[in-house]
């Protein structure tokens, strides 16, 4: 794949779609129906990976934790000074983003780090809202 950026062409060996497809082959993907059914399960932790501006604009799944995508690996790793204890809870983590691409890559990354069980929501927050899932407004 050839990309031209600011007049300098370069070859991309793999694109984001291929990265997401490869991640999806390794991880558990929940349908929106399954995610909606698991919403009140106390053994599940929904994690919103979107940017804070997205949360403020769109809201989030009620009760979901927010973890900016750029901090996820740091918050998951118990050896990191940024580690968040809730990632050591032993519960199942269900990641989501706007459309399901970032969450697929994030789920693959933390699964490779040893965090289990983990899954992500196909279609992300857009599918959640489209299916009539409840939305909590972000203060």
Protein backbone atom coordinates (compact mmCIF):
# COMPACT_ATOMS: atom_id res chain seq x y z
CA UNK A 1 0.00 0.00 0.00
CA UNK A 2 1.48 3.35 -1.02
CA UNK A 3 0.95 6.49 1.10
CA UNK A 4 1.93 10.03 0.26
CA UNK A 5 2.30 12.35 3.22
CA UNK A 6 3.61 15.89 2.87
CA UNK A 7 5.17 15.09 -0.46
CA UNK A 8 7.13 12.08 0.81
CA UNK A 9 5.88 8.71 -0.31
CA UNK A 10 6.34 5.60 1.79
CA UNK A 11 5.17 2.02 1.70
CA UNK A 12 2.91 0.69 4.43
CA UNK A 13 3.43 -3.02 5.00
CA UNK A 14 0.14 -3.50 6.82
CA UNK A 15 -2.84 -1.19 7.26
CA UNK A 16 -5.12 -0.65 10.21
CA UNK A 17 -7.85 -2.85 8.74
CA UNK A 18 -5.43 -5.76 8.54
CA UNK A 19 -4.26 -5.11 12.11
CA UNK A 20 -7.86 -5.15 13.35
CA UNK A 21 -8.64 -8.33 11.39
CA UNK A 22 -5.58 -10.06 12.87
CA UNK A 23 -6.51 -8.94 16.38
CA UNK A 24 -10.10 -10.10 15.95
CA UNK A 25 -8.86 -13.57 15.01
CA UNK A 26 -7.12 -13.83 18.42
CA UNK A 27 -9.70 -12.34 20.77
CA UNK A 28 -13.27 -12.79 21.96
CA UNK A 29 -15.72 -10.46 20.28
CA UNK A 30 -19.10 -9.97 21.92
CA UNK A 31 -22.15 -9.23 19.82
CA UNK A 32 -24.06 -6.18 20.90
CA UNK A 33 -26.89 -8.44 22.10
CA UNK A 34 -24.51 -10.37 24.35
CA UNK A 35 -22.93 -7.16 25.66
CA UNK A 36 -26.36 -5.73 26.49
CA UNK A 37 -27.30 -8.92 28.33
CA UNK A 38 -24.08 -8.80 30.39
CA UNK A 39 -24.40 -5.14 31.35
CA UNK A 40 -25.58 -5.81 34.91
CA UNK A 41 -23.32 -8.81 35.56
CA UNK A 42 -21.18 -7.98 38.61
CA UNK A 43 -18.37 -10.18 37.26
CA UNK A 44 -17.97 -7.93 34.21
CA UNK A 45 -16.10 -4.64 34.02
CA UNK A 46 -16.89 -2.54 30.97
CA UNK A 47 -13.97 -0.30 30.00
CA UNK A 48 -14.40 2.70 27.73
CA UNK A 49 -11.20 3.37 25.78
CA UNK A 50 -12.32 6.52 24.03
CA UNK A 51 -10.79 9.94 24.46
CA UNK A 52 -12.31 12.08 27.23
CA UNK A 53 -13.74 14.44 24.58
CA UNK A 54 -15.69 11.54 23.09
CA UNK A 55 -17.14 10.68 26.50
CA UNK A 56 -18.15 14.28 27.14
CA UNK A 57 -19.81 14.51 23.74
CA UNK A 58 -21.44 11.05 23.52
CA UNK A 59 -21.75 9.75 27.10
CA UNK A 60 -20.80 6.19 28.06
CA UNK A 61 -22.19 2.84 29.12
CA UNK A 62 -23.52 3.27 32.68
CA UNK A 63 -20.98 2.07 35.24
CA UNK A 64 -18.17 1.65 32.71
CA UNK A 65 -14.65 2.53 33.76
CA UNK A 66 -12.78 5.01 31.61
CA UNK A 67 -9.25 4.18 30.55
CA UNK A 68 -7.78 6.30 27.76
CA UNK A 69 -6.37 3.98 25.10
CA UNK A 70 -2.92 5.49 25.47
CA UNK A 71 -2.74 4.49 29.14
CA UNK A 72 -4.22 0.98 28.97
CA UNK A 73 -1.03 -1.08 29.02
CA UNK A 74 0.37 1.09 31.82
CA UNK A 75 -2.78 0.72 33.92
CA UNK A 76 -2.97 -3.06 33.37
CA UNK A 77 0.66 -3.88 34.19
CA UNK A 78 1.02 -4.49 37.96
CA UNK A 79 4.71 -3.50 37.70
CA UNK A 80 3.86 -0.09 36.27
CA UNK A 81 3.76 2.95 38.54
CA UNK A 82 0.44 3.76 36.83
CA UNK A 83 -1.22 0.40 37.60
CA UNK A 84 -4.91 0.52 38.53
CA UNK A 85 -6.02 -2.09 41.08
CA UNK A 86 -9.32 -2.81 39.38
CA UNK A 87 -7.40 -4.51 36.56
CA UNK A 88 -6.25 -7.08 39.17
CA UNK A 89 -9.82 -7.87 40.26
CA UNK A 90 -10.08 -11.22 38.46
CA UNK A 91 -13.25 -10.06 36.72
CA UNK A 92 -13.88 -10.22 32.98
CA UNK A 93 -13.05 -7.03 31.12
CA UNK A 94 -15.15 -5.90 28.18
CA UNK A 95 -13.48 -3.13 26.20
CA UNK A 96 -15.18 -0.77 23.81
CA UNK A 97 -14.44 2.31 21.75
CA UNK A 98 -16.45 4.22 19.15
CA UNK A 99 -16.62 1.54 16.42
CA UNK A 100 -14.73 -1.48 17.75
CA UNK A 101 -11.37 -0.99 16.05
CA UNK A 102 -9.39 0.49 18.95
CA UNK A 103 -11.00 -1.96 21.35
CA UNK A 104 -10.03 -4.94 19.17
CA UNK A 105 -6.39 -3.83 19.17
CA UNK A 106 -6.52 -3.02 22.89
CA UNK A 107 -8.06 -6.39 23.77
CA UNK A 108 -5.35 -8.16 21.80
CA UNK A 109 -2.63 -6.13 23.55
CA UNK A 110 -3.81 -6.79 27.11
CA UNK A 111 -4.52 -10.44 26.33
CA UNK A 112 -0.90 -10.76 25.16
CA UNK A 113 0.12 -9.12 28.46
CA UNK A 114 -1.71 -11.90 30.32
CA UNK A 115 -4.93 -10.13 31.35
CA UNK A 116 -7.76 -12.63 31.15
CA UNK A 117 -10.63 -12.99 30.60
CA UNK A 118 -11.05 -10.12 28.14
CA UNK A 119 -13.35 -9.34 25.22
CA UNK A 120 -14.51 -6.39 23.17
CA UNK A 121 -17.82 -5.25 21.74
CA UNK A 122 -18.33 -5.57 18.00
CA UNK A 123 -19.38 -2.21 16.61
CA UNK A 124 -18.38 -0.37 19.79
CA UNK A 125 -20.36 2.40 21.42
CA UNK A 126 -22.05 3.26 18.11
CA UNK A 127 -23.63 -0.22 18.02
CA UNK A 128 -24.55 0.08 21.72
CA UNK A 129 -26.44 3.32 21.13
CA UNK A 130 -28.01 2.09 17.89
CA UNK A 131 -29.35 -0.97 19.75
CA UNK A 132 -30.98 1.22 22.39
CA UNK A 133 -28.46 0.46 25.13
CA UNK A 134 -28.58 2.84 28.09
CA UNK A 135 -26.22 5.81 28.02
CA UNK A 136 -24.85 7.70 31.00
CA UNK A 137 -24.07 11.33 30.37
CA UNK A 138 -20.55 12.32 31.37
CA UNK A 139 -20.40 15.24 33.78
